[in-house]
N, C-alpha and C. Protein backbone atom coordinates (compact mmCIF):
# COMPACT_ATOMS: atom_id res chain seq x y z
N MET A 1 0.82 -1.18 0.00
CA MET A 1 0.00 0.00 0.00
C MET A 1 0.86 1.24 0.00
N ASN A 2 0.29 2.22 -0.57
CA ASN A 2 1.00 3.49 -0.71
C ASN A 2 0.41 4.49 0.27
N LYS A 3 0.87 4.46 1.48
CA LYS A 3 0.36 5.35 2.51
C LYS A 3 1.25 6.58 2.62
N GLN A 4 0.59 7.72 2.78
CA GLN A 4 1.38 8.95 2.93
C GLN A 4 1.51 9.25 4.42
N HIS A 5 2.73 9.50 4.82
CA HIS A 5 2.98 9.81 6.22
C HIS A 5 2.94 11.32 6.42
N TYR A 6 2.82 11.71 7.66
CA TYR A 6 2.76 13.13 7.97
C TYR A 6 4.04 13.86 7.61
N PHE A 7 5.13 13.16 7.53
CA PHE A 7 6.43 13.78 7.25
C PHE A 7 6.59 14.09 5.77
N GLU A 8 5.93 13.36 4.94
CA GLU A 8 6.14 13.48 3.51
C GLU A 8 5.35 14.66 2.94
N LYS A 9 5.96 15.35 2.01
CA LYS A 9 5.31 16.45 1.33
C LYS A 9 4.51 15.89 0.16
N PRO A 10 3.37 16.47 -0.12
CA PRO A 10 2.62 16.01 -1.28
C PRO A 10 3.39 16.34 -2.56
N ASN A 11 3.10 15.64 -3.59
CA ASN A 11 3.78 15.86 -4.87
C ASN A 11 3.20 17.09 -5.55
N ARG A 12 3.80 18.21 -5.30
CA ARG A 12 3.39 19.45 -5.92
C ARG A 12 4.65 20.17 -6.35
N SER A 13 4.64 20.66 -7.54
CA SER A 13 5.86 21.31 -8.03
C SER A 13 6.01 22.70 -7.40
N ILE A 14 7.20 23.18 -7.42
CA ILE A 14 7.50 24.52 -6.90
C ILE A 14 6.78 25.57 -7.73
N ALA A 15 6.67 25.35 -9.01
CA ALA A 15 6.00 26.31 -9.89
C ALA A 15 4.52 26.43 -9.54
N GLN A 16 3.88 25.32 -9.23
CA GLN A 16 2.46 25.36 -8.85
C GLN A 16 2.28 26.15 -7.54
N GLY A 17 3.15 25.92 -6.61
CA GLY A 17 3.08 26.64 -5.33
C GLY A 17 3.29 28.13 -5.51
N ALA A 18 4.26 28.49 -6.35
CA ALA A 18 4.53 29.90 -6.61
C ALA A 18 3.35 30.55 -7.33
N ALA A 19 2.76 29.85 -8.27
CA ALA A 19 1.62 30.39 -9.00
C ALA A 19 0.44 30.61 -8.07
N LEU A 20 0.19 29.66 -7.19
CA LEU A 20 -0.90 29.79 -6.23
C LEU A 20 -0.65 30.97 -5.29
N SER A 21 0.57 31.12 -4.83
CA SER A 21 0.93 32.25 -3.96
C SER A 21 0.72 33.58 -4.67
N PHE A 22 1.11 33.63 -5.94
CA PHE A 22 0.94 34.84 -6.74
C PHE A 22 -0.54 35.19 -6.89
N VAL A 23 -1.36 34.22 -7.18
CA VAL A 23 -2.79 34.46 -7.35
C VAL A 23 -3.41 34.97 -6.06
N ILE A 24 -3.06 34.37 -4.95
CA ILE A 24 -3.59 34.80 -3.66
C ILE A 24 -3.14 36.23 -3.33
N ALA A 25 -1.87 36.53 -3.57
CA ALA A 25 -1.35 37.87 -3.30
C ALA A 25 -2.03 38.90 -4.20
N ALA A 26 -2.21 38.57 -5.48
CA ALA A 26 -2.86 39.50 -6.41
C ALA A 26 -4.31 39.76 -5.99
N ALA A 27 -5.01 38.72 -5.57
CA ALA A 27 -6.39 38.89 -5.12
C ALA A 27 -6.45 39.78 -3.88
N ALA A 28 -5.52 39.59 -2.97
CA ALA A 28 -5.48 40.41 -1.75
C ALA A 28 -5.22 41.87 -2.10
N LEU A 29 -4.32 42.13 -3.04
CA LEU A 29 -4.03 43.51 -3.45
C LEU A 29 -5.23 44.15 -4.12
N ILE A 30 -5.94 43.40 -4.95
CA ILE A 30 -7.12 43.95 -5.62
C ILE A 30 -8.19 44.30 -4.59
N ILE A 31 -8.42 43.42 -3.65
CA ILE A 31 -9.41 43.68 -2.61
C ILE A 31 -9.03 44.91 -1.79
N ALA A 32 -7.75 45.03 -1.45
CA ALA A 32 -7.29 46.19 -0.68
C ALA A 32 -7.47 47.47 -1.48
N GLN A 33 -7.16 47.45 -2.76
CA GLN A 33 -7.28 48.63 -3.61
C GLN A 33 -8.74 49.08 -3.71
N VAL A 34 -9.63 48.15 -3.92
CA VAL A 34 -11.06 48.48 -4.00
C VAL A 34 -11.55 49.06 -2.68
N SER A 35 -11.14 48.47 -1.58
CA SER A 35 -11.55 48.96 -0.26
C SER A 35 -11.05 50.37 -0.01
N LEU A 36 -9.80 50.64 -0.34
CA LEU A 36 -9.24 51.98 -0.14
C LEU A 36 -9.93 53.00 -1.04
N GLY A 37 -10.26 52.59 -2.25
CA GLY A 37 -10.98 53.49 -3.16
C GLY A 37 -12.33 53.89 -2.60
N ARG A 38 -13.04 52.93 -2.03
CA ARG A 38 -14.35 53.22 -1.43
C ARG A 38 -14.21 54.13 -0.22
N ILE A 39 -13.19 53.91 0.58
CA ILE A 39 -12.96 54.75 1.75
C ILE A 39 -12.66 56.18 1.30
N GLY A 40 -11.85 56.32 0.24
CA GLY A 40 -11.52 57.64 -0.28
C GLY A 40 -12.74 58.37 -0.80
N LEU A 41 -13.61 57.66 -1.51
CA LEU A 41 -14.84 58.28 -2.02
C LEU A 41 -15.73 58.74 -0.89
N LYS A 42 -15.84 57.93 0.13
CA LYS A 42 -16.68 58.27 1.28
C LYS A 42 -16.13 59.52 1.98
N ALA A 43 -14.81 59.59 2.12
CA ALA A 43 -14.18 60.75 2.76
C ALA A 43 -14.42 62.01 1.93
N ASN A 44 -14.32 61.91 0.60
CA ASN A 44 -14.57 63.06 -0.27
C ASN A 44 -16.01 63.54 -0.15
N GLU A 45 -16.95 62.60 -0.11
CA GLU A 45 -18.36 62.96 0.04
C GLU A 45 -18.60 63.67 1.37
N GLN A 46 -18.00 63.17 2.42
CA GLN A 46 -18.18 63.79 3.74
C GLN A 46 -17.56 65.18 3.78
N SER A 47 -16.42 65.35 3.16
CA SER A 47 -15.75 66.64 3.13
C SER A 47 -16.58 67.66 2.34
N LEU A 48 -17.15 67.23 1.23
CA LEU A 48 -17.99 68.11 0.42
C LEU A 48 -19.25 68.51 1.19
N THR A 49 -19.84 67.57 1.88
CA THR A 49 -21.02 67.86 2.71
C THR A 49 -20.67 68.84 3.82
N GLN A 50 -19.51 68.66 4.42
CA GLN A 50 -19.09 69.57 5.49
C GLN A 50 -18.89 70.98 4.94
N ALA A 51 -18.34 71.11 3.74
CA ALA A 51 -18.15 72.43 3.14
C ALA A 51 -19.50 73.10 2.89
N ARG A 52 -20.46 72.35 2.36
CA ARG A 52 -21.81 72.90 2.15
C ARG A 52 -22.44 73.34 3.47
N ASN A 53 -22.32 72.49 4.47
CA ASN A 53 -22.91 72.80 5.78
C ASN A 53 -22.29 74.03 6.41
N SER A 54 -20.99 74.22 6.22
CA SER A 54 -20.31 75.41 6.77
C SER A 54 -20.87 76.69 6.18
N VAL A 55 -21.08 76.69 4.87
CA VAL A 55 -21.65 77.87 4.22
C VAL A 55 -23.08 78.11 4.72
N SER A 56 -23.86 77.05 4.78
CA SER A 56 -25.26 77.18 5.24
C SER A 56 -25.34 77.70 6.67
N ARG A 57 -24.47 77.20 7.53
CA ARG A 57 -24.47 77.66 8.93
C ARG A 57 -24.12 79.14 9.02
N ALA A 58 -23.15 79.57 8.23
CA ALA A 58 -22.77 80.99 8.24
C ALA A 58 -23.91 81.86 7.73
N VAL A 59 -24.63 81.39 6.72
CA VAL A 59 -25.77 82.13 6.18
C VAL A 59 -26.86 82.28 7.25
N VAL A 60 -27.16 81.18 7.94
CA VAL A 60 -28.19 81.21 8.98
C VAL A 60 -27.75 82.09 10.15
N LEU A 61 -26.49 82.03 10.52
CA LEU A 61 -25.98 82.88 11.59
C LEU A 61 -26.12 84.36 11.23
N CYS A 62 -25.81 84.69 9.99
CA CYS A 62 -25.95 86.07 9.53
C CYS A 62 -27.42 86.50 9.60
N TYR A 63 -28.30 85.65 9.14
CA TYR A 63 -29.73 85.98 9.17
C TYR A 63 -30.23 86.16 10.60
N ALA A 64 -29.78 85.29 11.49
CA ALA A 64 -30.20 85.38 12.89
C ALA A 64 -29.68 86.67 13.54
N SER A 65 -28.49 87.09 13.15
CA SER A 65 -27.88 88.29 13.75
C SER A 65 -28.41 89.58 13.15
N GLU A 66 -28.62 89.60 11.83
CA GLU A 66 -28.93 90.84 11.13
C GLU A 66 -30.36 90.92 10.60
N GLY A 67 -31.05 89.79 10.52
CA GLY A 67 -32.42 89.81 10.02
C GLY A 67 -32.53 89.74 8.51
N VAL A 68 -31.42 89.66 7.82
CA VAL A 68 -31.40 89.50 6.36
C VAL A 68 -30.32 88.50 5.98
N TYR A 69 -30.52 87.86 4.85
CA TYR A 69 -29.50 86.94 4.35
C TYR A 69 -28.40 87.75 3.67
N PRO A 70 -27.15 87.28 3.73
CA PRO A 70 -26.04 88.04 3.14
C PRO A 70 -26.12 88.09 1.61
N GLU A 71 -25.53 89.15 1.07
CA GLU A 71 -25.50 89.34 -0.38
C GLU A 71 -24.49 88.43 -1.07
N SER A 72 -23.41 88.09 -0.36
CA SER A 72 -22.34 87.32 -1.01
C SER A 72 -21.57 86.49 0.00
N LEU A 73 -20.78 85.58 -0.52
CA LEU A 73 -19.89 84.80 0.34
C LEU A 73 -18.77 85.67 0.90
N ASP A 74 -18.37 86.68 0.14
CA ASP A 74 -17.33 87.60 0.63
C ASP A 74 -17.76 88.25 1.94
N TYR A 75 -19.03 88.63 2.02
CA TYR A 75 -19.55 89.25 3.24
C TYR A 75 -19.43 88.28 4.41
N LEU A 76 -19.73 87.01 4.18
CA LEU A 76 -19.63 86.01 5.24
C LEU A 76 -18.18 85.79 5.65
N GLU A 77 -17.27 85.82 4.69
CA GLU A 77 -15.85 85.66 5.01
C GLU A 77 -15.36 86.83 5.86
N GLU A 78 -15.73 88.03 5.48
CA GLU A 78 -15.25 89.23 6.17
C GLU A 78 -15.88 89.42 7.55
N ASN A 79 -17.16 89.10 7.68
CA ASN A 79 -17.89 89.44 8.90
C ASN A 79 -18.22 88.27 9.82
N TYR A 80 -18.18 87.06 9.29
CA TYR A 80 -18.58 85.91 10.09
C TYR A 80 -17.52 84.81 10.15
N GLY A 81 -16.35 85.09 9.64
CA GLY A 81 -15.23 84.15 9.75
C GLY A 81 -15.34 82.89 8.91
N LEU A 82 -16.20 82.92 7.89
CA LEU A 82 -16.30 81.76 7.01
C LEU A 82 -14.99 81.58 6.25
N VAL A 83 -14.48 80.37 6.24
CA VAL A 83 -13.24 80.07 5.51
C VAL A 83 -13.60 79.16 4.35
N LEU A 84 -13.32 79.63 3.13
CA LEU A 84 -13.61 78.86 1.92
C LEU A 84 -12.32 78.30 1.35
N ASP A 85 -12.32 77.05 1.00
CA ASP A 85 -11.15 76.41 0.40
C ASP A 85 -11.35 76.35 -1.11
N SER A 86 -10.92 77.42 -1.78
CA SER A 86 -11.13 77.54 -3.22
C SER A 86 -10.25 76.61 -4.04
N GLU A 87 -9.22 76.05 -3.43
CA GLU A 87 -8.39 75.09 -4.15
C GLU A 87 -9.11 73.75 -4.29
N LEU A 88 -9.89 73.38 -3.30
CA LEU A 88 -10.59 72.10 -3.33
C LEU A 88 -12.01 72.20 -3.88
N TYR A 89 -12.67 73.35 -3.67
CA TYR A 89 -14.08 73.45 -4.00
C TYR A 89 -14.40 74.69 -4.83
N LEU A 90 -15.45 74.57 -5.63
CA LEU A 90 -16.04 75.70 -6.33
C LEU A 90 -17.35 76.01 -5.61
N TYR A 91 -17.55 77.27 -5.29
CA TYR A 91 -18.73 77.69 -4.53
C TYR A 91 -19.66 78.50 -5.43
N HIS A 92 -20.93 78.15 -5.38
CA HIS A 92 -21.97 78.92 -6.08
C HIS A 92 -22.88 79.50 -5.01
N TYR A 93 -23.06 80.81 -5.05
CA TYR A 93 -23.92 81.48 -4.08
C TYR A 93 -24.71 82.55 -4.82
N ARG A 94 -26.00 82.49 -4.71
CA ARG A 94 -26.85 83.49 -5.36
C ARG A 94 -27.89 83.98 -4.36
N SER A 95 -27.81 85.26 -4.08
CA SER A 95 -28.76 85.87 -3.16
C SER A 95 -30.11 86.02 -3.87
N LEU A 96 -31.16 85.62 -3.19
CA LEU A 96 -32.51 85.70 -3.75
C LEU A 96 -33.32 86.82 -3.08
N GLY A 97 -32.63 87.68 -2.38
CA GLY A 97 -33.29 88.76 -1.65
C GLY A 97 -32.97 88.63 -0.17
N GLY A 98 -33.19 89.69 0.55
CA GLY A 98 -32.82 89.72 1.96
C GLY A 98 -33.59 88.76 2.85
N ASN A 99 -34.81 88.38 2.43
CA ASN A 99 -35.61 87.52 3.29
C ASN A 99 -35.81 86.10 2.74
N LEU A 100 -35.14 85.76 1.66
CA LEU A 100 -35.22 84.41 1.08
C LEU A 100 -33.87 83.72 1.20
N PHE A 101 -33.92 82.45 1.59
CA PHE A 101 -32.67 81.69 1.73
C PHE A 101 -31.97 81.64 0.37
N PRO A 102 -30.67 81.93 0.34
CA PRO A 102 -29.94 81.98 -0.93
C PRO A 102 -29.75 80.60 -1.56
N GLU A 103 -29.41 80.62 -2.82
CA GLU A 103 -29.08 79.40 -3.54
C GLU A 103 -27.61 79.10 -3.26
N ILE A 104 -27.33 77.93 -2.70
CA ILE A 104 -25.97 77.55 -2.31
C ILE A 104 -25.63 76.21 -2.94
N ALA A 105 -24.47 76.13 -3.57
CA ALA A 105 -23.98 74.85 -4.09
C ALA A 105 -22.47 74.82 -3.95
N VAL A 106 -21.95 73.66 -3.63
CA VAL A 106 -20.50 73.47 -3.51
C VAL A 106 -20.13 72.25 -4.34
N PHE A 107 -19.11 72.42 -5.18
CA PHE A 107 -18.67 71.36 -6.07
C PHE A 107 -17.18 71.11 -5.88
N GLU A 108 -16.75 69.91 -6.19
CA GLU A 108 -15.31 69.62 -6.16
C GLU A 108 -14.63 70.37 -7.30
N ASN A 109 -13.49 70.96 -7.01
CA ASN A 109 -12.72 71.68 -8.01
C ASN A 109 -11.91 70.67 -8.81
N GLU A 110 -12.18 70.54 -10.08
CA GLU A 110 -11.52 69.56 -10.94
C GLU A 110 -10.11 70.01 -11.35
N ALA A 111 -9.85 71.30 -11.26
CA ALA A 111 -8.56 71.83 -11.73
C ALA A 111 -7.43 71.50 -10.81
């Protein structure tokens, strides 16, 4: 009988073992890359939301203090300490009148 003992290695070539190791390592790298990409996208979305919320909070603070919505983002920067990151984001702000909430949009800067 041909019994295999615990000491004996199975008949597998070195090339097969190396190929299997390569496939497992490649799969692990692909999974890691996809996971990191998703984490990065989530962080970008949260950062963009935070930028929008910062502008909205400053607008509401101005309205609560003065009774009118601000005419521009420059006014909020000068008088309410709003900090805009123009390298990362493009800001759209359109005043709709002193008593109407302005149109606010923040986009990622592609440049």
